[in-house]
Amino acid sequence: MILLDKPEGTTLTTSAADNTITQDDTVTFTCHVTAAKPQVSRYRFYFNDTTLVKDSNGNQYTINSVQRSQHYGMYKCIPSNVVGDGPEATVILNVNGK
């Protein structure tokens, strides 16, 4: 018997040191899971809890030319497989002026 399990151990990281980036730079968010059977088939990235910014089978989301007024805030990742959604992970992106 094969045990199926939704994703576990979700973490969300950024390419920015201490999750702080300078305006006009590029940042990449990466969603990791420690386990999922079967593997994760879908990653959803949200901005400030409501706006779905990416829905794909890739675990990364990149913003080019970050703007403080548009991109500062909380980002969330929710991994899913055929069993269901895994736990969400969040990170706050800070944006410094030039």
C-alpha atoms as a PDB file:
ATOM      1  CA  MET A   1       0.000   0.000   0.000  1.00  0.00           C
ATOM      2  CA  ILE A   2       1.342   3.410  -0.962  1.00  0.00           C
ATOM      3  CA  LEU A   3       0.774   6.161   1.552  1.00  0.00           C
ATOM      4  CA  LEU A   4      -0.183   9.487   0.020  1.00  0.00           C
ATOM      5  CA  ASP A   5       0.441  12.687   1.897  1.00  0.00           C
ATOM      6  CA  LYS A   6      -0.009  16.346   1.172  1.00  0.00           C
ATOM      7  CA  PRO A   7       3.091  18.566   1.202  1.00  0.00           C
ATOM      8  CA  GLU A   8       4.804  19.126   4.561  1.00  0.00           C
ATOM      9  CA  GLY A   9       7.395  21.475   5.989  1.00  0.00           C
ATOM     10  CA  THR A  10       6.814  24.471   3.737  1.00  0.00           C
ATOM     11  CA  THR A  11       9.358  27.293   3.846  1.00  0.00           C
ATOM     12  CA  LEU A  12       9.551  30.424   1.721  1.00  0.00           C
ATOM     13  CA  THR A  13      12.890  32.134   1.128  1.00  0.00           C
ATOM     14  CA  THR A  14      14.051  35.120  -0.904  1.00  0.00           C
ATOM     15  CA  SER A  15      17.223  35.860  -2.813  1.00  0.00           C
ATOM     16  CA  ALA A  16      17.581  39.088  -0.789  1.00  0.00           C
ATOM     17  CA  ALA A  17      19.785  39.232   2.306  1.00  0.00           C
ATOM     18  CA  ASP A  18      17.531  39.512   5.387  1.00  0.00           C
ATOM     19  CA  ASN A  19      14.557  39.728   2.989  1.00  0.00           C
ATOM     20  CA  THR A  20      15.487  43.347   2.259  1.00  0.00           C
ATOM     21  CA  ILE A  21      16.029  44.597  -1.281  1.00  0.00           C
ATOM     22  CA  THR A  22      16.842  47.929  -2.864  1.00  0.00           C
ATOM     23  CA  GLN A  23      14.317  49.510  -5.206  1.00  0.00           C
ATOM     24  CA  ASP A  24      14.798  48.569  -8.907  1.00  0.00           C
ATOM     25  CA  ASP A  25      16.636  45.329  -8.000  1.00  0.00           C
ATOM     26  CA  THR A  26      15.369  41.819  -8.771  1.00  0.00           C
ATOM     27  CA  VAL A  27      14.169  39.368  -6.123  1.00  0.00           C
ATOM     28  CA  THR A  28      13.277  35.680  -6.396  1.00  0.00           C
ATOM     29  CA  PHE A  29      11.041  33.837  -3.929  1.00  0.00           C
ATOM     30  CA  THR A  30      11.572  30.086  -3.590  1.00  0.00           C
ATOM     31  CA  CYS A  31       9.037  27.768  -1.972  1.00  0.00           C
ATOM     32  CA  HIS A  32      10.475  24.585  -0.429  1.00  0.00           C
ATOM     33  CA  VAL A  33       8.770  21.534   1.045  1.00  0.00           C
ATOM     34  CA  THR A  34      10.433  18.821   3.122  1.00  0.00           C
ATOM     35  CA  ALA A  35       8.142  16.025   1.936  1.00  0.00           C
ATOM     36  CA  ALA A  36       5.222  15.317  -0.404  1.00  0.00           C
ATOM     37  CA  LYS A  37       3.839  12.050  -1.803  1.00  0.00           C
ATOM     38  CA  PRO A  38       3.291  12.380  -4.669  1.00  0.00           C
ATOM     39  CA  GLN A  39       5.499  15.380  -5.401  1.00  0.00           C
ATOM     40  CA  VAL A  40       4.133  18.912  -5.413  1.00  0.00           C
ATOM     41  CA  SER A  41       2.220  19.618  -8.620  1.00  0.00           C
ATOM     42  CA  ARG A  42       1.264  23.230  -7.987  1.00  0.00           C
ATOM     43  CA  TYR A  43       2.662  26.241  -6.163  1.00  0.00           C
ATOM     44  CA  ARG A  44       0.557  29.329  -5.512  1.00  0.00           C
ATOM     45  CA  PHE A  45       2.206  32.604  -4.517  1.00  0.00           C
ATOM     46  CA  TYR A  46       0.171  35.363  -2.885  1.00  0.00           C
ATOM     47  CA  PHE A  47       0.913  39.005  -2.092  1.00  0.00           C
ATOM     48  CA  ASN A  48      -0.595  40.498   1.082  1.00  0.00           C
ATOM     49  CA  ASP A  49      -2.844  37.425   1.542  1.00  0.00           C
ATOM     50  CA  THR A  50      -5.250  38.246  -1.263  1.00  0.00           C
ATOM     51  CA  THR A  51      -3.555  38.759  -4.598  1.00  0.00           C
ATOM     52  CA  LEU A  52      -2.574  35.571  -6.437  1.00  0.00           C
ATOM     53  CA  VAL A  53       0.625  36.572  -8.205  1.00  0.00           C
ATOM     54  CA  LYS A  54       1.648  33.198  -9.636  1.00  0.00           C
ATOM     55  CA  ASP A  55       0.074  29.770  -9.986  1.00  0.00           C
ATOM     56  CA  SER A  56       2.368  27.209 -11.576  1.00  0.00           C
ATOM     57  CA  ASN A  57       4.225  23.943 -11.211  1.00  0.00           C
ATOM     58  CA  GLY A  58       7.469  25.855 -10.591  1.00  0.00           C
ATOM     59  CA  ASN A  59       8.519  26.688  -7.052  1.00  0.00           C
ATOM     60  CA  GLN A  60       9.949  30.140  -7.828  1.00  0.00           C
ATOM     61  CA  TYR A  61       8.466  33.583  -8.337  1.00  0.00           C
ATOM     62  CA  THR A  62      10.644  36.476  -9.546  1.00  0.00           C
ATOM     63  CA  ILE A  63       9.990  40.217  -9.498  1.00  0.00           C
ATOM     64  CA  ASN A  64      12.149  42.386 -11.732  1.00  0.00           C
ATOM     65  CA  SER A  65      12.610  46.096 -10.979  1.00  0.00           C
ATOM     66  CA  VAL A  66      11.091  45.984  -7.502  1.00  0.00           C
ATOM     67  CA  GLN A  67       9.171  49.138  -6.513  1.00  0.00           C
ATOM     68  CA  ARG A  68       8.554  49.958  -2.874  1.00  0.00           C
ATOM     69  CA  SER A  69       5.013  51.215  -3.476  1.00  0.00           C
ATOM     70  CA  GLN A  70       4.012  48.047  -5.347  1.00  0.00           C
ATOM     71  CA  HIS A  71       6.046  45.212  -3.841  1.00  0.00           C
ATOM     72  CA  TYR A  72       6.649  45.886  -0.145  1.00  0.00           C
ATOM     73  CA  GLY A  73       4.608  43.500   1.993  1.00  0.00           C
ATOM     74  CA  MET A  74       3.896  39.895   2.866  1.00  0.00           C
ATOM     75  CA  TYR A  75       4.321  37.064   0.380  1.00  0.00           C
ATOM     76  CA  LYS A  76       2.858  33.622   0.893  1.00  0.00           C
ATOM     77  CA  CYS A  77       3.394  30.264  -0.778  1.00  0.00           C
ATOM     78  CA  ILE A  78       0.993  27.315  -0.697  1.00  0.00           C
ATOM     79  CA  PRO A  79       2.194  24.014  -2.222  1.00  0.00           C
ATOM     80  CA  SER A  80      -0.347  21.430  -3.406  1.00  0.00           C
ATOM     81  CA  ASN A  81      -0.473  17.906  -4.757  1.00  0.00           C
ATOM     82  CA  VAL A  82      -3.330  15.547  -5.601  1.00  0.00           C
ATOM     83  CA  VAL A  83      -3.902  14.880  -1.886  1.00  0.00           C
ATOM     84  CA  GLY A  84      -4.386  18.533  -0.981  1.00  0.00           C
ATOM     85  CA  ASP A  85      -2.753  21.787   0.093  1.00  0.00           C
ATOM     86  CA  GLY A  86       0.287  21.813   2.316  1.00  0.00           C
ATOM     87  CA  PRO A  87       0.904  24.365   5.054  1.00  0.00           C
ATOM     88  CA  GLU A  88       1.504  27.913   3.913  1.00  0.00           C
ATOM     89  CA  ALA A  89       4.749  29.795   4.463  1.00  0.00           C
ATOM     90  CA  THR A  90       5.147  33.557   4.565  1.00  0.00           C
ATOM     91  CA  VAL A  91       7.910  36.128   4.313  1.00  0.00           C
ATOM     92  CA  ILE A  92       7.892  39.928   4.546  1.00  0.00           C
ATOM     93  CA  LEU A  93       9.763  41.686   1.742  1.00  0.00           C
ATOM     94  CA  ASN A  94      11.286  45.017   2.762  1.00  0.00           C
ATOM     95  CA  VAL A  95      12.154  47.492   0.022  1.00  0.00           C
ATOM     96  CA  ASN A  96      14.682  50.274   0.585  1.00  0.00           C
ATOM     97  CA  GLY A  97      14.846  53.393  -1.553  1.00  0.00           C
ATOM     98  CA  LYS A  98      17.946  53.998  -3.655  1.00  0.00           C
END
